[in-house]
Amino acid sequence: MTTTNTPPTAQALEAALREALAPTVLEVIDESAAHAGHAGANAEGYGTHFRVRIASPRFEGKPRVVRHRLVYDALQVFIAQGLHAIAIEVL
């Protein structure tokens, strides 16, 4: 795994989720600026706290905890880049 000192972007997370889960609905919102001064926030004001709204056929028949795990697994690579928190809304 390649790591970088650049925080992840909403576009990068979106691309990873599209590749891993083929969502029918996807919205990735960077809420990092609202968390300035909180644990896990960085000086850049982006790339640490995200909200993901997602629907995917791969979620069908799976309990909520498994759906969330699929999202976390798809975004695991971004943890080393500074991703601190993900709020997941499965639609």
N, C-alpha and C. Protein backbone atom coordinates (compact mmCIF):
# COMPACT_ATOMS: atom_id res chain seq x y z
N MET A 1 0.84 -1.17 0.00
CA MET A 1 0.00 0.00 0.00
C MET A 1 0.88 1.24 0.00
N THR A 2 0.56 2.18 -0.86
CA THR A 2 1.29 3.43 -0.93
C THR A 2 0.62 4.44 -0.03
N THR A 3 1.41 5.13 0.76
CA THR A 3 0.85 6.18 1.61
C THR A 3 1.36 7.52 1.13
N THR A 4 0.65 8.56 1.48
CA THR A 4 1.02 9.91 1.10
C THR A 4 0.71 10.83 2.27
N ASN A 5 1.33 12.00 2.29
CA ASN A 5 1.04 12.97 3.33
C ASN A 5 -0.13 13.86 2.96
N THR A 6 -0.68 13.69 1.77
CA THR A 6 -1.81 14.48 1.32
C THR A 6 -3.11 13.86 1.81
N PRO A 7 -3.96 14.65 2.47
CA PRO A 7 -5.23 14.09 2.94
C PRO A 7 -6.09 13.62 1.77
N PRO A 8 -6.93 12.62 2.00
CA PRO A 8 -7.80 12.13 0.93
C PRO A 8 -8.87 13.17 0.57
N THR A 9 -9.40 13.04 -0.63
CA THR A 9 -10.46 13.94 -1.09
C THR A 9 -11.77 13.16 -1.25
N ALA A 10 -12.87 13.89 -1.30
CA ALA A 10 -14.16 13.27 -1.53
C ALA A 10 -14.16 12.54 -2.86
N GLN A 11 -13.49 13.09 -3.86
CA GLN A 11 -13.43 12.45 -5.18
C GLN A 11 -12.70 11.12 -5.12
N ALA A 12 -11.63 11.05 -4.34
CA ALA A 12 -10.88 9.81 -4.22
C ALA A 12 -11.71 8.74 -3.51
N LEU A 13 -12.41 9.13 -2.45
CA LEU A 13 -13.27 8.18 -1.74
C LEU A 13 -14.38 7.70 -2.66
N GLU A 14 -14.97 8.63 -3.41
CA GLU A 14 -16.05 8.28 -4.33
C GLU A 14 -15.56 7.26 -5.37
N ALA A 15 -14.39 7.48 -5.93
CA ALA A 15 -13.85 6.56 -6.93
C ALA A 15 -13.65 5.16 -6.34
N ALA A 16 -13.12 5.10 -5.11
CA ALA A 16 -12.89 3.80 -4.47
C ALA A 16 -14.22 3.08 -4.20
N LEU A 17 -15.22 3.82 -3.76
CA LEU A 17 -16.53 3.22 -3.49
C LEU A 17 -17.21 2.75 -4.77
N ARG A 18 -17.08 3.54 -5.84
CA ARG A 18 -17.66 3.13 -7.13
C ARG A 18 -17.02 1.83 -7.62
N GLU A 19 -15.72 1.74 -7.49
CA GLU A 19 -15.01 0.54 -7.93
C GLU A 19 -15.38 -0.68 -7.10
N ALA A 20 -15.44 -0.51 -5.78
CA ALA A 20 -15.66 -1.65 -4.89
C ALA A 20 -17.12 -2.09 -4.80
N LEU A 21 -18.05 -1.13 -4.87
CA LEU A 21 -19.44 -1.46 -4.54
C LEU A 21 -20.45 -1.19 -5.65
N ALA A 22 -20.01 -0.61 -6.78
CA ALA A 22 -20.91 -0.32 -7.91
C ALA A 22 -22.24 0.28 -7.42
N PRO A 23 -22.19 1.40 -6.70
CA PRO A 23 -23.41 1.95 -6.11
C PRO A 23 -24.38 2.51 -7.15
N THR A 24 -25.65 2.47 -6.81
CA THR A 24 -26.68 3.09 -7.64
C THR A 24 -26.92 4.52 -7.20
N VAL A 25 -26.61 4.81 -5.95
CA VAL A 25 -26.67 6.16 -5.39
C VAL A 25 -25.39 6.35 -4.58
N LEU A 26 -24.72 7.49 -4.78
CA LEU A 26 -23.51 7.75 -4.00
C LEU A 26 -23.31 9.24 -3.84
N GLU A 27 -23.13 9.66 -2.61
CA GLU A 27 -22.79 11.03 -2.29
C GLU A 27 -21.72 10.99 -1.21
N VAL A 28 -20.59 11.64 -1.45
CA VAL A 28 -19.51 11.71 -0.48
C VAL A 28 -19.30 13.18 -0.15
N ILE A 29 -19.45 13.52 1.11
CA ILE A 29 -19.36 14.91 1.56
C ILE A 29 -18.21 15.03 2.55
N ASP A 30 -17.30 15.95 2.28
CA ASP A 30 -16.20 16.22 3.21
C ASP A 30 -16.70 17.21 4.26
N GLU A 31 -16.87 16.74 5.48
CA GLU A 31 -17.35 17.56 6.59
C GLU A 31 -16.22 17.98 7.52
N SER A 32 -14.99 17.87 7.05
CA SER A 32 -13.81 18.11 7.90
C SER A 32 -13.79 19.52 8.49
N ALA A 33 -14.16 20.51 7.73
CA ALA A 33 -14.09 21.90 8.21
C ALA A 33 -14.97 22.09 9.45
N ALA A 34 -16.07 21.35 9.54
CA ALA A 34 -16.96 21.46 10.69
C ALA A 34 -16.36 20.81 11.94
N HIS A 35 -15.26 20.08 11.79
CA HIS A 35 -14.64 19.39 12.91
C HIS A 35 -13.30 20.01 13.32
N ALA A 36 -13.03 21.21 12.85
CA ALA A 36 -11.78 21.89 13.20
C ALA A 36 -11.63 21.95 14.71
N GLY A 37 -10.46 21.58 15.18
CA GLY A 37 -10.18 21.58 16.61
C GLY A 37 -10.58 20.30 17.33
N HIS A 38 -11.27 19.40 16.63
CA HIS A 38 -11.68 18.13 17.23
C HIS A 38 -10.61 17.08 17.00
N ALA A 39 -10.73 15.97 17.69
CA ALA A 39 -9.80 14.85 17.52
C ALA A 39 -9.80 14.40 16.06
N GLY A 40 -8.64 14.19 15.53
CA GLY A 40 -8.51 13.68 14.18
C GLY A 40 -8.51 14.74 13.10
N ALA A 41 -8.83 15.99 13.44
CA ALA A 41 -8.84 17.07 12.45
C ALA A 41 -7.40 17.44 12.11
N ASN A 42 -7.21 17.99 10.93
CA ASN A 42 -5.88 18.42 10.53
C ASN A 42 -5.88 19.93 10.27
N ALA A 43 -4.73 20.49 10.03
CA ALA A 43 -4.60 21.93 9.80
C ALA A 43 -5.14 22.34 8.43
N GLU A 44 -5.23 21.39 7.49
CA GLU A 44 -5.69 21.71 6.15
C GLU A 44 -7.19 21.98 6.10
N GLY A 45 -7.97 21.40 7.02
CA GLY A 45 -9.41 21.61 7.04
C GLY A 45 -10.19 20.73 6.09
N TYR A 46 -9.53 19.71 5.55
CA TYR A 46 -10.23 18.75 4.68
C TYR A 46 -9.57 17.39 4.81
N GLY A 47 -10.31 16.36 4.38
CA GLY A 47 -9.73 15.04 4.28
C GLY A 47 -9.74 14.18 5.53
N THR A 48 -10.45 14.60 6.59
CA THR A 48 -10.44 13.80 7.81
C THR A 48 -11.80 13.25 8.20
N HIS A 49 -12.86 13.97 7.94
CA HIS A 49 -14.22 13.58 8.34
C HIS A 49 -15.15 13.61 7.12
N PHE A 50 -15.74 12.47 6.82
CA PHE A 50 -16.60 12.38 5.64
C PHE A 50 -17.96 11.77 5.99
N ARG A 51 -18.96 12.17 5.23
CA ARG A 51 -20.28 11.54 5.26
C ARG A 51 -20.47 10.84 3.92
N VAL A 52 -20.90 9.57 3.98
CA VAL A 52 -21.14 8.78 2.78
C VAL A 52 -22.61 8.36 2.77
N ARG A 53 -23.30 8.74 1.71
CA ARG A 53 -24.68 8.28 1.48
C ARG A 53 -24.59 7.34 0.29
N ILE A 54 -25.03 6.09 0.48
CA ILE A 54 -24.78 5.08 -0.55
C ILE A 54 -25.89 4.03 -0.60
N ALA A 55 -26.19 3.61 -1.82
CA ALA A 55 -27.07 2.46 -2.07
C ALA A 55 -26.34 1.59 -3.08
N SER A 56 -26.37 0.29 -2.86
CA SER A 56 -25.68 -0.64 -3.75
C SER A 56 -26.41 -1.97 -3.78
N PRO A 57 -26.48 -2.59 -4.96
CA PRO A 57 -27.07 -3.93 -5.02
C PRO A 57 -26.29 -4.93 -4.17
N ARG A 58 -25.03 -4.64 -3.89
CA ARG A 58 -24.21 -5.55 -3.08
C ARG A 58 -24.63 -5.56 -1.61
N PHE A 59 -25.50 -4.62 -1.23
CA PHE A 59 -26.00 -4.57 0.14
C PHE A 59 -27.24 -5.44 0.35
N GLU A 60 -27.88 -5.85 -0.74
CA GLU A 60 -29.15 -6.57 -0.64
C GLU A 60 -29.02 -7.83 0.21
N GLY A 61 -29.95 -7.96 1.17
CA GLY A 61 -29.99 -9.14 2.02
C GLY A 61 -28.96 -9.16 3.13
N LYS A 62 -28.17 -8.09 3.24
CA LYS A 62 -27.12 -8.05 4.27
C LYS A 62 -27.55 -7.13 5.42
N PRO A 63 -27.22 -7.50 6.64
CA PRO A 63 -27.55 -6.63 7.78
C PRO A 63 -26.72 -5.33 7.74
N ARG A 64 -27.20 -4.35 8.48
CA ARG A 64 -26.56 -3.03 8.49
C ARG A 64 -25.08 -3.09 8.81
N VAL A 65 -24.69 -3.88 9.79
CA VAL A 65 -23.28 -3.94 10.18
C VAL A 65 -22.41 -4.47 9.03
N VAL A 66 -22.91 -5.39 8.25
CA VAL A 66 -22.16 -5.91 7.11
C VAL A 66 -22.09 -4.85 6.01
N ARG A 67 -23.16 -4.12 5.79
CA ARG A 67 -23.14 -3.03 4.79
C ARG A 67 -22.10 -1.98 5.16
N HIS A 68 -22.07 -1.62 6.43
CA HIS A 68 -21.09 -0.63 6.88
C HIS A 68 -19.67 -1.18 6.73
N ARG A 69 -19.47 -2.45 7.04
CA ARG A 69 -18.15 -3.06 6.91
C ARG A 69 -17.68 -3.02 5.46
N LEU A 70 -18.56 -3.24 4.51
CA LEU A 70 -18.20 -3.16 3.09
C LEU A 70 -17.70 -1.76 2.73
N VAL A 71 -18.35 -0.74 3.27
CA VAL A 71 -17.92 0.64 3.02
C VAL A 71 -16.56 0.87 3.67
N TYR A 72 -16.41 0.50 4.94
CA TYR A 72 -15.12 0.67 5.62
C TYR A 72 -14.00 -0.06 4.89
N ASP A 73 -14.27 -1.27 4.45
CA ASP A 73 -13.24 -2.04 3.74
C ASP A 73 -12.81 -1.34 2.46
N ALA A 74 -13.76 -0.76 1.74
CA ALA A 74 -13.44 -0.07 0.49
C ALA A 74 -12.60 1.18 0.73
N LEU A 75 -12.70 1.77 1.92
CA LEU A 75 -12.00 3.02 2.22
C LEU A 75 -10.78 2.84 3.11
N GLN A 76 -10.45 1.64 3.46
CA GLN A 76 -9.35 1.34 4.39
C GLN A 76 -8.03 1.99 3.97
N VAL A 77 -7.75 2.03 2.69
CA VAL A 77 -6.48 2.59 2.21
C VAL A 77 -6.33 4.06 2.60
N PHE A 78 -7.43 4.76 2.83
CA PHE A 78 -7.36 6.19 3.13
C PHE A 78 -7.05 6.48 4.59
N ILE A 79 -7.10 5.49 5.45
CA ILE A 79 -6.79 5.69 6.87
C ILE A 79 -5.37 6.23 7.03
N ALA A 80 -4.43 5.66 6.32
CA ALA A 80 -3.03 6.10 6.41
C ALA A 80 -2.84 7.51 5.85
N GLN A 81 -3.81 7.98 5.07
CA GLN A 81 -3.72 9.33 4.49
C GLN A 81 -4.39 10.38 5.38
N GLY A 82 -4.95 9.96 6.50
CA GLY A 82 -5.53 10.93 7.42
C GLY A 82 -7.02 10.82 7.63
N LEU A 83 -7.69 9.88 6.96
CA LEU A 83 -9.12 9.69 7.17
C LEU A 83 -9.35 9.29 8.61
N HIS A 84 -10.17 10.05 9.33
CA HIS A 84 -10.38 9.82 10.75
C HIS A 84 -11.78 9.30 11.05
N ALA A 85 -12.80 9.82 10.36
CA ALA A 85 -14.18 9.45 10.67
C ALA A 85 -15.03 9.39 9.42
N ILE A 86 -15.93 8.40 9.39
CA ILE A 86 -16.86 8.24 8.29
C ILE A 86 -18.26 8.06 8.88
N ALA A 87 -19.17 8.93 8.51
CA ALA A 87 -20.58 8.76 8.86
C ALA A 87 -21.24 8.09 7.65
N ILE A 88 -21.80 6.93 7.86
CA ILE A 88 -22.36 6.15 6.74
C ILE A 88 -23.87 6.15 6.83
N GLU A 89 -24.49 6.53 5.73
CA GLU A 89 -25.95 6.46 5.58
C GLU A 89 -26.22 5.49 4.42
N VAL A 90 -26.67 4.29 4.75
CA VAL A 90 -27.01 3.31 3.73
C VAL A 90 -28.44 3.56 3.32
N LEU A 91 -28.63 3.80 2.04
CA LEU A 91 -29.98 4.11 1.52
C LEU A 91 -30.64 2.87 0.98
